[in-house]
Amino acid sequence: AGAYHGDVDGEYDQEVWRAVKSYQSWMYIEGDPKGVYGPHT
């Protein structure tokens, strides 16, 4: 999706959190808290 540029290592770190938050913003997702990989995201 172009939101994450780090290692694909299975860790939900700050970089992944920021990528989820960015993706939610780009896609106008409001059903999950920012940075949380919930069902809507």
PDB file of all heavy atoms in Angstrom:
ATOM      1  N   ALA A   1       0.819  -1.213   0.000  1.00  0.00           N
ATOM      2  CA  ALA A   1       0.000   0.000   0.000  1.00  0.00           C
ATOM      3  C   ALA A   1       0.858   1.271   0.000  1.00  0.00           C
ATOM      4  O   ALA A   1       0.338   2.368  -0.162  1.00  0.00           O
ATOM      5  CB  ALA A   1      -0.930  -0.002   1.219  1.00  0.00           C
ATOM      6  N   GLY A   2       2.172   1.117   0.205  1.00  0.00           N
ATOM      7  CA  GLY A   2       3.069   2.272   0.208  1.00  0.00           C
ATOM      8  C   GLY A   2       3.167   2.982   1.539  1.00  0.00           C
ATOM      9  O   GLY A   2       3.737   4.072   1.624  1.00  0.00           O
ATOM     10  N   ALA A   3       2.651   2.369   2.593  1.00  0.00           N
ATOM     11  CA  ALA A   3       2.646   3.011   3.907  1.00  0.00           C
ATOM     12  C   ALA A   3       3.803   2.574   4.795  1.00  0.00           C
ATOM     13  O   ALA A   3       4.136   3.262   5.758  1.00  0.00           O
ATOM     14  CB  ALA A   3       1.325   2.720   4.625  1.00  0.00           C
ATOM     15  N   TYR A   4       4.415   1.440   4.489  1.00  0.00           N
ATOM     16  CA  TYR A   4       5.464   0.877   5.347  1.00  0.00           C
ATOM     17  C   TYR A   4       6.708   0.607   4.520  1.00  0.00           C
ATOM     18  O   TYR A   4       6.615   0.065   3.413  1.00  0.00           O
ATOM     19  CB  TYR A   4       4.958  -0.427   5.987  1.00  0.00           C
ATOM     20  CG  TYR A   4       5.938  -1.113   6.907  1.00  0.00           C
ATOM     21  CD1 TYR A   4       6.289  -0.539   8.115  1.00  0.00           C
ATOM     22  CD2 TYR A   4       6.502  -2.335   6.569  1.00  0.00           C
ATOM     23  CE1 TYR A   4       7.174  -1.163   8.974  1.00  0.00           C
ATOM     24  CE2 TYR A   4       7.389  -2.971   7.422  1.00  0.00           C
ATOM     25  CZ  TYR A   4       7.724  -2.372   8.628  1.00  0.00           C
ATOM     26  OH  TYR A   4       8.602  -2.988   9.477  1.00  0.00           O
ATOM     27  N   HIS A   5       7.851   0.990   5.081  1.00  0.00           N
ATOM     28  CA  HIS A   5       9.112   0.847   4.356  1.00  0.00           C
ATOM     29  C   HIS A   5      10.171   0.140   5.194  1.00  0.00           C
ATOM     30  O   HIS A   5      11.343   0.165   4.842  1.00  0.00           O
ATOM     31  CB  HIS A   5       9.617   2.215   3.900  1.00  0.00           C
ATOM     32  CG  HIS A   5       8.604   2.980   3.119  1.00  0.00           C
ATOM     33  ND1 HIS A   5       8.261   2.655   1.825  1.00  0.00           N
ATOM     34  CD2 HIS A   5       7.813   4.024   3.462  1.00  0.00           C
ATOM     35  CE1 HIS A   5       7.320   3.482   1.394  1.00  0.00           C
ATOM     36  NE2 HIS A   5       7.021   4.313   2.370  1.00  0.00           N
ATOM     37  N   GLY A   6       9.756  -0.503   6.265  1.00  0.00           N
ATOM     38  CA  GLY A   6      10.699  -1.175   7.144  1.00  0.00           C
ATOM     39  C   GLY A   6      10.849  -2.644   6.812  1.00  0.00           C
ATOM     40  O   GLY A   6      10.386  -3.131   5.772  1.00  0.00           O
ATOM     41  N   ASP A   7      11.502  -3.355   7.725  1.00  0.00           N
ATOM     42  CA  ASP A   7      11.696  -4.795   7.569  1.00  0.00           C
ATOM     43  C   ASP A   7      10.394  -5.542   7.813  1.00  0.00           C
ATOM     44  O   ASP A   7       9.613  -5.175   8.685  1.00  0.00           O
ATOM     45  CB  ASP A   7      12.737  -5.312   8.572  1.00  0.00           C
ATOM     46  CG  ASP A   7      14.122  -4.744   8.306  1.00  0.00           C
ATOM     47  OD1 ASP A   7      14.418  -4.448   7.133  1.00  0.00           O
ATOM     48  OD2 ASP A   7      14.891  -4.598   9.269  1.00  0.00           O
ATOM     49  N   VAL A   8      10.161  -6.571   7.034  1.00  0.00           N
ATOM     50  CA  VAL A   8       9.016  -7.453   7.243  1.00  0.00           C
ATOM     51  C   VAL A   8       9.493  -8.557   8.183  1.00  0.00           C
ATOM     52  O   VAL A   8      10.005  -9.582   7.757  1.00  0.00           O
ATOM     53  CB  VAL A   8       8.491  -8.013   5.898  1.00  0.00           C
ATOM     54  CG1 VAL A   8       7.323  -8.958   6.129  1.00  0.00           C
ATOM     55  CG2 VAL A   8       8.084  -6.874   4.983  1.00  0.00           C
ATOM     56  N   ASP A   9       9.357  -8.272   9.483  1.00  0.00           N
ATOM     57  CA  ASP A   9       9.929  -9.151  10.506  1.00  0.00           C
ATOM     58  C   ASP A   9       8.920  -9.641  11.541  1.00  0.00           C
ATOM     59  O   ASP A   9       9.270 -10.325  12.486  1.00  0.00           O
ATOM     60  CB  ASP A   9      11.081  -8.444  11.218  1.00  0.00           C
ATOM     61  CG  ASP A   9      10.663  -7.131  11.878  1.00  0.00           C
ATOM     62  OD1 ASP A   9       9.452  -6.837  11.932  1.00  0.00           O
ATOM     63  OD2 ASP A   9      11.556  -6.395  12.333  1.00  0.00           O
ATOM     64  N   GLY A  10       7.652  -9.264  11.384  1.00  0.00           N
ATOM     65  CA  GLY A  10       6.629  -9.735  12.303  1.00  0.00           C
ATOM     66  C   GLY A  10       6.492  -8.934  13.586  1.00  0.00           C
ATOM     67  O   GLY A  10       5.698  -9.282  14.451  1.00  0.00           O
ATOM     68  N   GLU A  11       7.227  -7.849  13.713  1.00  0.00           N
ATOM     69  CA  GLU A  11       7.173  -7.018  14.921  1.00  0.00           C
ATOM     70  C   GLU A  11       6.208  -5.847  14.726  1.00  0.00           C
ATOM     71  O   GLU A  11       6.303  -5.134  13.735  1.00  0.00           O
ATOM     72  CB  GLU A  11       8.567  -6.468  15.257  1.00  0.00           C
ATOM     73  CG  GLU A  11       9.587  -7.531  15.575  1.00  0.00           C
ATOM     74  CD  GLU A  11       9.309  -8.245  16.877  1.00  0.00           C
ATOM     75  OE1 GLU A  11       8.849  -7.596  17.841  1.00  0.00           O
ATOM     76  OE2 GLU A  11       9.531  -9.463  16.927  1.00  0.00           O
ATOM     77  N   TYR A  12       5.307  -5.658  15.697  1.00  0.00           N
ATOM     78  CA  TYR A  12       4.400  -4.504  15.640  1.00  0.00           C
ATOM     79  C   TYR A  12       5.057  -3.389  16.442  1.00  0.00           C
ATOM     80  O   TYR A  12       4.732  -3.145  17.600  1.00  0.00           O
ATOM     81  CB  TYR A  12       3.029  -4.854  16.214  1.00  0.00           C
ATOM     82  CG  TYR A  12       1.948  -3.867  15.821  1.00  0.00           C
ATOM     83  CD1 TYR A  12       1.113  -4.136  14.761  1.00  0.00           C
ATOM     84  CD2 TYR A  12       1.781  -2.674  16.503  1.00  0.00           C
ATOM     85  CE1 TYR A  12       0.116  -3.247  14.388  1.00  0.00           C
ATOM     86  CE2 TYR A  12       0.794  -1.779  16.139  1.00  0.00           C
ATOM     87  CZ  TYR A  12      -0.031  -2.060  15.085  1.00  0.00           C
ATOM     88  OH  TYR A  12      -1.009  -1.172  14.715  1.00  0.00           O
ATOM     89  N   ASP A  13       5.998  -2.706  15.797  1.00  0.00           N
ATOM     90  CA  ASP A  13       6.748  -1.663  16.474  1.00  0.00           C
ATOM     91  C   ASP A  13       6.179  -0.283  16.116  1.00  0.00           C
ATOM     92  O   ASP A  13       5.133  -0.175  15.463  1.00  0.00           O
ATOM     93  CB  ASP A  13       8.239  -1.768  16.143  1.00  0.00           C
ATOM     94  CG  ASP A  13       8.530  -1.691  14.648  1.00  0.00           C
ATOM     95  OD1 ASP A  13       7.634  -1.281  13.869  1.00  0.00           O
ATOM     96  OD2 ASP A  13       9.661  -2.030  14.258  1.00  0.00           O
ATOM     97  N   GLN A  14       6.885   0.744  16.526  1.00  0.00           N
ATOM     98  CA  GLN A  14       6.428   2.122  16.298  1.00  0.00           C
ATOM     99  C   GLN A  14       6.302   2.433  14.811  1.00  0.00           C
ATOM    100  O   GLN A  14       5.392   3.151  14.401  1.00  0.00           O
ATOM    101  CB  GLN A  14       7.418   3.093  16.972  1.00  0.00           C
ATOM    102  CG  GLN A  14       6.891   4.494  17.110  1.00  0.00           C
ATOM    103  CD  GLN A  14       5.803   4.629  18.139  1.00  0.00           C
ATOM    104  OE1 GLN A  14       5.585   3.748  18.963  1.00  0.00           O
ATOM    105  NE2 GLN A  14       5.089   5.727  18.111  1.00  0.00           N
ATOM    106  N   GLU A  15       7.188   1.886  14.011  1.00  0.00           N
ATOM    107  CA  GLU A  15       7.137   2.134  12.570  1.00  0.00           C
ATOM    108  C   GLU A  15       5.878   1.525  11.943  1.00  0.00           C
ATOM    109  O   GLU A  15       5.251   2.132  11.079  1.00  0.00           O
ATOM    110  CB  GLU A  15       8.398   1.576  11.902  1.00  0.00           C
ATOM    111  CG  GLU A  15       8.574   2.031  10.490  1.00  0.00           C
ATOM    112  CD  GLU A  15       9.913   1.635   9.897  1.00  0.00           C
ATOM    113  OE1 GLU A  15      10.725   0.976  10.583  1.00  0.00           O
ATOM    114  OE2 GLU A  15      10.134   1.973   8.735  1.00  0.00           O
ATOM    115  N   VAL A  16       5.499   0.336  12.393  1.00  0.00           N
ATOM    116  CA  VAL A  16       4.272  -0.296  11.898  1.00  0.00           C
ATOM    117  C   VAL A  16       3.065   0.498  12.378  1.00  0.00           C
ATOM    118  O   VAL A  16       2.128   0.752  11.608  1.00  0.00           O
ATOM    119  CB  VAL A  16       4.182  -1.773  12.339  1.00  0.00           C
ATOM    120  CG1 VAL A  16       2.847  -2.376  11.936  1.00  0.00           C
ATOM    121  CG2 VAL A  16       5.333  -2.579  11.752  1.00  0.00           C
ATOM    122  N   TRP A  17       3.087   0.913  13.638  1.00  0.00           N
ATOM    123  CA  TRP A  17       1.991   1.719  14.186  1.00  0.00           C
ATOM    124  C   TRP A  17       1.788   2.985  13.350  1.00  0.00           C
ATOM    125  O   TRP A  17       0.663   3.329  12.983  1.00  0.00           O
ATOM    126  CB  TRP A  17       2.278   2.076  15.652  1.00  0.00           C
ATOM    127  CG  TRP A  17       1.192   2.864  16.291  1.00  0.00           C
ATOM    128  CD1 TRP A  17       0.078   2.378  16.911  1.00  0.00           C
ATOM    129  CD2 TRP A  17       1.096   4.296  16.364  1.00  0.00           C
ATOM    130  NE1 TRP A  17      -0.704   3.422  17.364  1.00  0.00           N
ATOM    131  CE2 TRP A  17      -0.095   4.606  17.040  1.00  0.00           C
ATOM    132  CE3 TRP A  17       1.902   5.334  15.929  1.00  0.00           C
ATOM    133  CZ2 TRP A  17      -0.496   5.912  17.283  1.00  0.00           C
ATOM    134  CZ3 TRP A  17       1.491   6.644  16.177  1.00  0.00           C
ATOM    135  CH2 TRP A  17       0.311   6.911  16.842  1.00  0.00           C
ATOM    136  N   ARG A  18       2.899   3.655  13.005  1.00  0.00           N
ATOM    137  CA  ARG A  18       2.808   4.874  12.188  1.00  0.00           C
ATOM    138  C   ARG A  18       2.273   4.560  10.786  1.00  0.00           C
ATOM    139  O   ARG A  18       1.505   5.341  10.218  1.00  0.00           O
ATOM    140  CB  ARG A  18       4.168   5.560  12.091  1.00  0.00           C
ATOM    141  CG  ARG A  18       4.532   6.355  13.329  1.00  0.00           C
ATOM    142  CD  ARG A  18       5.726   7.269  13.086  1.00  0.00           C
ATOM    143  NE  ARG A  18       6.923   6.521  12.717  1.00  0.00           N
ATOM    144  CZ  ARG A  18       7.826   6.078  13.577  1.00  0.00           C
ATOM    145  NH1 ARG A  18       7.670   6.287  14.861  1.00  0.00           N
ATOM    146  NH2 ARG A  18       8.887   5.419  13.140  1.00  0.00           N
ATOM    147  N   ALA A  19       2.684   3.425  10.243  1.00  0.00           N
ATOM    148  CA  ALA A  19       2.208   3.035   8.910  1.00  0.00           C
ATOM    149  C   ALA A  19       0.712   2.761   8.929  1.00  0.00           C
ATOM    150  O   ALA A  19      -0.015   3.171   8.009  1.00  0.00           O
ATOM    151  CB  ALA A  19       2.970   1.809   8.421  1.00  0.00           C
ATOM    152  N   VAL A  20       0.232   2.079   9.964  1.00  0.00           N
ATOM    153  CA  VAL A  20      -1.208   1.822  10.101  1.00  0.00           C
ATOM    154  C   VAL A  20      -1.953   3.144  10.217  1.00  0.00           C
ATOM    155  O   VAL A  20      -2.968   3.371   9.548  1.00  0.00           O
ATOM    156  CB  VAL A  20      -1.505   0.904  11.304  1.00  0.00           C
ATOM    157  CG1 VAL A  20      -3.006   0.841  11.588  1.00  0.00           C
ATOM    158  CG2 VAL A  20      -0.950  -0.501  11.065  1.00  0.00           C
ATOM    159  N   LYS A  21      -1.432   4.037  11.030  1.00  0.00           N
ATOM    160  CA  LYS A  21      -2.067   5.346  11.219  1.00  0.00           C
ATOM    161  C   LYS A  21      -2.116   6.126   9.900  1.00  0.00           C
ATOM    162  O   LYS A  21      -3.143   6.728   9.563  1.00  0.00           O
ATOM    163  CB  LYS A  21      -1.299   6.134  12.281  1.00  0.00           C
ATOM    164  CG  LYS A  21      -1.915   7.449  12.630  1.00  0.00           C
ATOM    165  CD  LYS A  21      -1.133   8.122  13.737  1.00  0.00           C
ATOM    166  CE  LYS A  21      -1.673   9.511  13.980  1.00  0.00           C
ATOM    167  NZ  LYS A  21      -0.870  10.258  14.933  1.00  0.00           N
ATOM    168  N   SER A  22      -1.024   6.097   9.143  1.00  0.00           N
ATOM    169  CA  SER A  22      -1.001   6.786   7.847  1.00  0.00           C
ATOM    170  C   SER A  22      -2.016   6.173   6.887  1.00  0.00           C
ATOM    171  O   SER A  22      -2.764   6.894   6.216  1.00  0.00           O
ATOM    172  CB  SER A  22       0.395   6.702   7.230  1.00  0.00           C
ATOM    173  OG  SER A  22       1.319   7.436   7.985  1.00  0.00           O
ATOM    174  N   TYR A  23      -2.034   4.846   6.827  1.00  0.00           N
ATOM    175  CA  TYR A  23      -2.973   4.165   5.942  1.00  0.00           C
ATOM    176  C   TYR A  23      -4.417   4.524   6.313  1.00  0.00           C
ATOM    177  O   TYR A  23      -5.242   4.801   5.443  1.00  0.00           O
ATOM    178  CB  TYR A  23      -2.760   2.657   5.995  1.00  0.00           C
ATOM    179  CG  TYR A  23      -3.683   1.908   5.086  1.00  0.00           C
ATOM    180  CD1 TYR A  23      -3.433   1.843   3.722  1.00  0.00           C
ATOM    181  CD2 TYR A  23      -4.821   1.296   5.578  1.00  0.00           C
ATOM    182  CE1 TYR A  23      -4.297   1.185   2.863  1.00  0.00           C
ATOM    183  CE2 TYR A  23      -5.698   0.629   4.733  1.00  0.00           C
ATOM    184  CZ  TYR A  23      -5.429   0.581   3.384  1.00  0.00           C
ATOM    185  OH  TYR A  23      -6.297  -0.063   2.545  1.00  0.00           O
ATOM    186  N   GLN A  24      -4.717   4.540   7.600  1.00  0.00           N
ATOM    187  CA  GLN A  24      -6.068   4.904   8.055  1.00  0.00           C
ATOM    188  C   GLN A  24      -6.421   6.317   7.607  1.00  0.00           C
ATOM    189  O   GLN A  24      -7.551   6.569   7.182  1.00  0.00           O
ATOM    190  CB  GLN A  24      -6.156   4.812   9.578  1.00  0.00           C
ATOM    191  CG  GLN A  24      -6.108   3.397  10.097  1.00  0.00           C
ATOM    192  CD  GLN A  24      -5.934   3.343  11.595  1.00  0.00           C
ATOM    193  OE1 GLN A  24      -5.260   4.181  12.193  1.00  0.00           O
ATOM    194  NE2 GLN A  24      -6.538   2.336  12.211  1.00  0.00           N
ATOM    195  N   SER A  25      -5.462   7.205   7.675  1.00  0.00           N
ATOM    196  CA  SER A  25      -5.700   8.585   7.258  1.00  0.00           C
ATOM    197  C   SER A  25      -5.952   8.669   5.753  1.00  0.00           C
ATOM    198  O   SER A  25      -6.897   9.321   5.309  1.00  0.00           O
ATOM    199  CB  SER A  25      -4.494   9.444   7.649  1.00  0.00           C
ATOM    200  OG  SER A  25      -4.652  10.757   7.179  1.00  0.00           O
ATOM    201  N   TRP A  26      -5.119   7.984   4.970  1.00  0.00           N
ATOM    202  CA  TRP A  26      -5.261   8.004   3.506  1.00  0.00           C
ATOM    203  C   TRP A  26      -6.603   7.443   3.061  1.00  0.00           C
ATOM    204  O   TRP A  26      -7.193   7.919   2.101  1.00  0.00           O
ATOM    205  CB  TRP A  26      -4.178   7.183   2.836  1.00  0.00           C
ATOM    206  CG  TRP A  26      -2.779   7.631   3.078  1.00  0.00           C
ATOM    207  CD1 TRP A  26      -2.354   8.862   3.528  1.00  0.00           C
ATOM    208  CD2 TRP A  26      -1.604   6.848   2.902  1.00  0.00           C
ATOM    209  NE1 TRP A  26      -0.985   8.869   3.637  1.00  0.00           N
ATOM    210  CE2 TRP A  26      -0.502   7.665   3.257  1.00  0.00           C
ATOM    211  CE3 TRP A  26      -1.373   5.549   2.484  1.00  0.00           C
ATOM    212  CZ2 TRP A  26       0.810   7.201   3.198  1.00  0.00           C
ATOM    213  CZ3 TRP A  26      -0.066   5.095   2.419  1.00  0.00           C
ATOM    214  CH2 TRP A  26       1.010   5.916   2.771  1.00  0.00           C
ATOM    215  N   MET A  27      -7.062   6.398   3.760  1.00  0.00           N
ATOM    216  CA  MET A  27      -8.281   5.696   3.359  1.00  0.00           C
ATOM    217  C   MET A  27      -9.518   6.178   4.122  1.00  0.00           C
ATOM    218  O   MET A  27     -10.592   5.615   3.972  1.00  0.00           O
ATOM    219  CB  MET A  27      -8.103   4.188   3.576  1.00  0.00           C
ATOM    220  CG  MET A  27      -6.940   3.586   2.788  1.00  0.00           C
ATOM    221  SD  MET A  27      -7.094   3.796   1.000  1.00  0.00           S
ATOM    222  CE  MET A  27      -8.392   2.639   0.671  1.00  0.00           C
ATOM    223  N   TYR A  28      -9.361   7.198   4.956  1.00  0.00           N
ATOM    224  CA  TYR A  28     -10.471   7.767   5.731  1.00  0.00           C
ATOM    225  C   TYR A  28     -11.158   6.718   6.611  1.00  0.00           C
ATOM    226  O   TYR A  28     -12.397   6.665   6.687  1.00  0.00           O
ATOM    227  CB  TYR A  28     -11.497   8.456   4.821  1.00  0.00           C
ATOM    228  CG  TYR A  28     -10.878   9.504   3.939  1.00  0.00           C
ATOM    229  CD1 TYR A  28     -10.608   9.251   2.601  1.00  0.00           C
ATOM    230  CD2 TYR A  28     -10.522  10.738   4.465  1.00  0.00           C
ATOM    231  CE1 TYR A  28     -10.021  10.206   1.794  1.00  0.00           C
ATOM    232  CE2 TYR A  28      -9.932  11.710   3.665  1.00  0.00           C
ATOM    233  CZ  TYR A  28      -9.689  11.437   2.337  1.00  0.00           C
ATOM    234  OH  TYR A  28      -9.093  12.391   1.543  1.00  0.00           O
ATOM    235  N   ILE A  29     -10.361   5.890   7.267  1.00  0.00           N
ATOM    236  CA  ILE A  29     -10.894   4.848   8.146  1.00  0.00           C
ATOM    237  C   ILE A  29     -11.083   5.441   9.540  1.00  0.00           C
ATOM    238  O   ILE A  29     -10.134   5.919  10.151  1.00  0.00           O
ATOM    239  CB  ILE A  29      -9.941   3.638   8.202  1.00  0.00           C
ATOM    240  CG1 ILE A  29      -9.793   3.038   6.810  1.00  0.00           C
ATOM    241  CG2 ILE A  29     -10.447   2.600   9.206  1.00  0.00           C
ATOM    242  CD1 ILE A  29      -8.652   2.059   6.674  1.00  0.00           C
ATOM    243  N   GLU A  30     -12.314   5.406  10.022  1.00  0.00           N
ATOM    244  CA  GLU A  30     -12.620   5.985  11.317  1.00  0.00           C
ATOM    245  C   GLU A  30     -13.123   4.965  12.324  1.00  0.00           C
ATOM    246  O   GLU A  30     -13.341   5.284  13.474  1.00  0.00           O
ATOM    247  CB  GLU A  30     -13.648   7.105  11.146  1.00  0.00           C
ATOM    248  CG  GLU A  30     -13.130   8.244  10.292  1.00  0.00           C
ATOM    249  CD  GLU A  30     -14.152   9.341  10.102  1.00  0.00           C
ATOM    250  OE1 GLU A  30     -15.329   9.158  10.479  1.00  0.00           O
ATOM    251  OE2 GLU A  30     -13.769  10.388   9.563  1.00  0.00           O
ATOM    252  N   GLY A  31     -13.320   3.732  11.923  1.00  0.00           N
ATOM    253  CA  GLY A  31     -13.901   2.732  12.816  1.00  0.00           C
ATOM    254  C   GLY A  31     -12.944   2.149  13.834  1.00  0.00           C
ATOM    255  O   GLY A  31     -13.379   1.534  14.798  1.00  0.00           O
ATOM    256  N   ASP A  32     -11.633   2.318  13.631  1.00  0.00           N
ATOM    257  CA  ASP A  32     -10.625   1.808  14.557  1.00  0.00           C
ATOM    258  C   ASP A  32      -9.829   2.981  15.118  1.00  0.00           C
ATOM    259  O   ASP A  32      -9.647   3.987  14.431  1.00  0.00           O
ATOM    260  CB  ASP A  32      -9.646   0.872  13.830  1.00  0.00           C
ATOM    261  CG  ASP A  32     -10.326  -0.339  13.222  1.00  0.00           C
ATOM    262  OD1 ASP A  32     -11.218  -0.907  13.886  1.00  0.00           O
ATOM    263  OD2 ASP A  32      -9.972  -0.715  12.095  1.00  0.00           O
ATOM    264  N   PRO A  33      -9.320   2.852  16.338  1.00  0.00           N
ATOM    265  CA  PRO A  33      -8.453   3.916  16.874  1.00  0.00           C
ATOM    266  C   PRO A  33      -7.219   4.096  15.993  1.00  0.00           C
ATOM    267  O   PRO A  33      -6.758   3.140  15.354  1.00  0.00           O
ATOM    268  CB  PRO A  33      -8.061   3.393  18.256  1.00  0.00           C
ATOM    269  CG  PRO A  33      -9.124   2.405  18.615  1.00  0.00           C
ATOM    270  CD  PRO A  33      -9.560   1.789  17.313  1.00  0.00           C
ATOM    271  N   LYS A  34      -6.693   5.297  15.940  1.00  0.00           N
ATOM    272  CA  LYS A  34      -5.523   5.587  15.114  1.00  0.00           C
ATOM    273  C   LYS A  34      -4.348   4.688  15.497  1.00  0.00           C
ATOM    274  O   LYS A  34      -4.009   4.551  16.655  1.00  0.00           O
ATOM    275  CB  LYS A  34      -5.110   7.054  15.251  1.00  0.00           C
ATOM    276  CG  LYS A  34      -6.169   8.018  14.771  1.00  0.00           C
ATOM    277  CD  LYS A  34      -6.459   7.820  13.296  1.00  0.00           C
ATOM    278  CE  LYS A  34      -7.526   8.773  12.814  1.00  0.00           C
ATOM    279  NZ  LYS A  34      -8.149   8.350  11.594  1.00  0.00           N
ATOM    280  N   GLY A  35      -3.775   4.054  14.492  1.00  0.00           N
ATOM    281  CA  GLY A  35      -2.627   3.189  14.700  1.00  0.00           C
ATOM    282  C   GLY A  35      -2.953   1.781  15.139  1.00  0.00           C
ATOM    283  O   GLY A  35      -2.065   0.952  15.274  1.00  0.00           O
ATOM    284  N   VAL A  36      -4.251   1.498  15.330  1.00  0.00           N
ATOM    285  CA  VAL A  36      -4.677   0.165  15.778  1.00  0.00           C
ATOM    286  C   VAL A  36      -5.186  -0.616  14.568  1.00  0.00           C
ATOM    287  O   VAL A  36      -6.052  -0.150  13.831  1.00  0.00           O
ATOM    288  CB  VAL A  36      -5.781   0.268  16.858  1.00  0.00           C
ATOM    289  CG1 VAL A  36      -6.318  -1.111  17.211  1.00  0.00           C
ATOM    290  CG2 VAL A  36      -5.242   0.968  18.093  1.00  0.00           C
ATOM    291  N   TYR A  37      -4.646  -1.809  14.388  1.00  0.00           N
ATOM    292  CA  TYR A  37      -5.039  -2.662  13.269  1.00  0.00           C
ATOM    293  C   TYR A  37      -6.297  -3.435  13.653  1.00  0.00           C
ATOM    294  O   TYR A  37      -6.259  -4.604  13.985  1.00  0.00           O
ATOM    295  CB  TYR A  37      -3.892  -3.610  12.918  1.00  0.00           C
ATOM    296  CG  TYR A  37      -4.113  -4.439  11.686  1.00  0.00           C
ATOM    297  CD1 TYR A  37      -4.484  -3.856  10.489  1.00  0.00           C
ATOM    298  CD2 TYR A  37      -3.942  -5.803  11.720  1.00  0.00           C
ATOM    299  CE1 TYR A  37      -4.680  -4.608   9.351  1.00  0.00           C
ATOM    300  CE2 TYR A  37      -4.127  -6.578  10.581  1.00  0.00           C
ATOM    301  CZ  TYR A  37      -4.497  -5.974   9.407  1.00  0.00           C
ATOM    302  OH  TYR A  37      -4.685  -6.738   8.281  1.00  0.00           O
ATOM    303  N   GLY A  38      -7.416  -2.731  13.586  1.00  0.00           N
ATOM    304  CA  GLY A  38      -8.695  -3.328  13.939  1.00  0.00           C
ATOM    305  C   GLY A  38      -9.435  -3.829  12.715  1.00  0.00           C
ATOM    306  O   GLY A  38      -8.912  -3.809  11.593  1.00  0.00           O
ATOM    307  N   PRO A  39     -10.675  -4.266  12.894  1.00  0.00           N
ATOM    308  CA  PRO A  39     -11.424  -4.893  11.804  1.00  0.00           C
ATOM    309  C   PRO A  39     -11.686  -3.972  10.611  1.00  0.00           C
ATOM    310  O   PRO A  39     -11.676  -4.428   9.466  1.00  0.00           O
ATOM    311  CB  PRO A  39     -12.726  -5.340  12.458  1.00  0.00           C
ATOM    312  CG  PRO A  39     -12.848  -4.561  13.712  1.00  0.00           C
ATOM    313  CD  PRO A  39     -11.442  -4.255  14.146  1.00  0.00           C
ATOM    314  N   HIS A  40     -11.900  -2.699  10.844  1.00  0.00           N
ATOM    315  CA  HIS A  40     -12.169  -1.776   9.740  1.00  0.00           C
ATOM    316  C   HIS A  40     -10.910  -1.557   8.894  1.00  0.00           C
ATOM    317  O   HIS A  40     -10.968  -1.537   7.664  1.00  0.00           O
ATOM    318  CB  HIS A  40     -12.694  -0.441  10.263  1.00  0.00           C
ATOM    319  CG  HIS A  40     -13.958  -0.572  11.041  1.00  0.00           C
ATOM    320  ND1 HIS A  40     -15.186  -0.704  10.444  1.00  0.00           N
ATOM    321  CD2 HIS A  40     -14.184  -0.622  12.377  1.00  0.00           C
ATOM    322  CE1 HIS A  40     -16.121  -0.819  11.370  1.00  0.00           C
ATOM    323  NE2 HIS A  40     -15.530  -0.778  12.554  1.00  0.00           N
ATOM    324  N   THR A  41      -9.791  -1.402   9.581  1.00  0.00           N
ATOM    325  CA  THR A  41      -8.520  -1.214   8.885  1.00  0.00           C
ATOM    326  C   THR A  41      -8.145  -2.475   8.126  1.00  0.00           C
ATOM    327  O   THR A  41      -7.716  -2.414   6.965  1.00  0.00           O
ATOM    328  CB  THR A  41      -7.415  -0.843   9.884  1.00  0.00           C
ATOM    329  OG1 THR A  41      -7.822   0.312  10.628  1.00  0.00           O
ATOM    330  CG2 THR A  41      -6.097  -0.550   9.180  1.00  0.00           C
TER     331      THR A  41
END
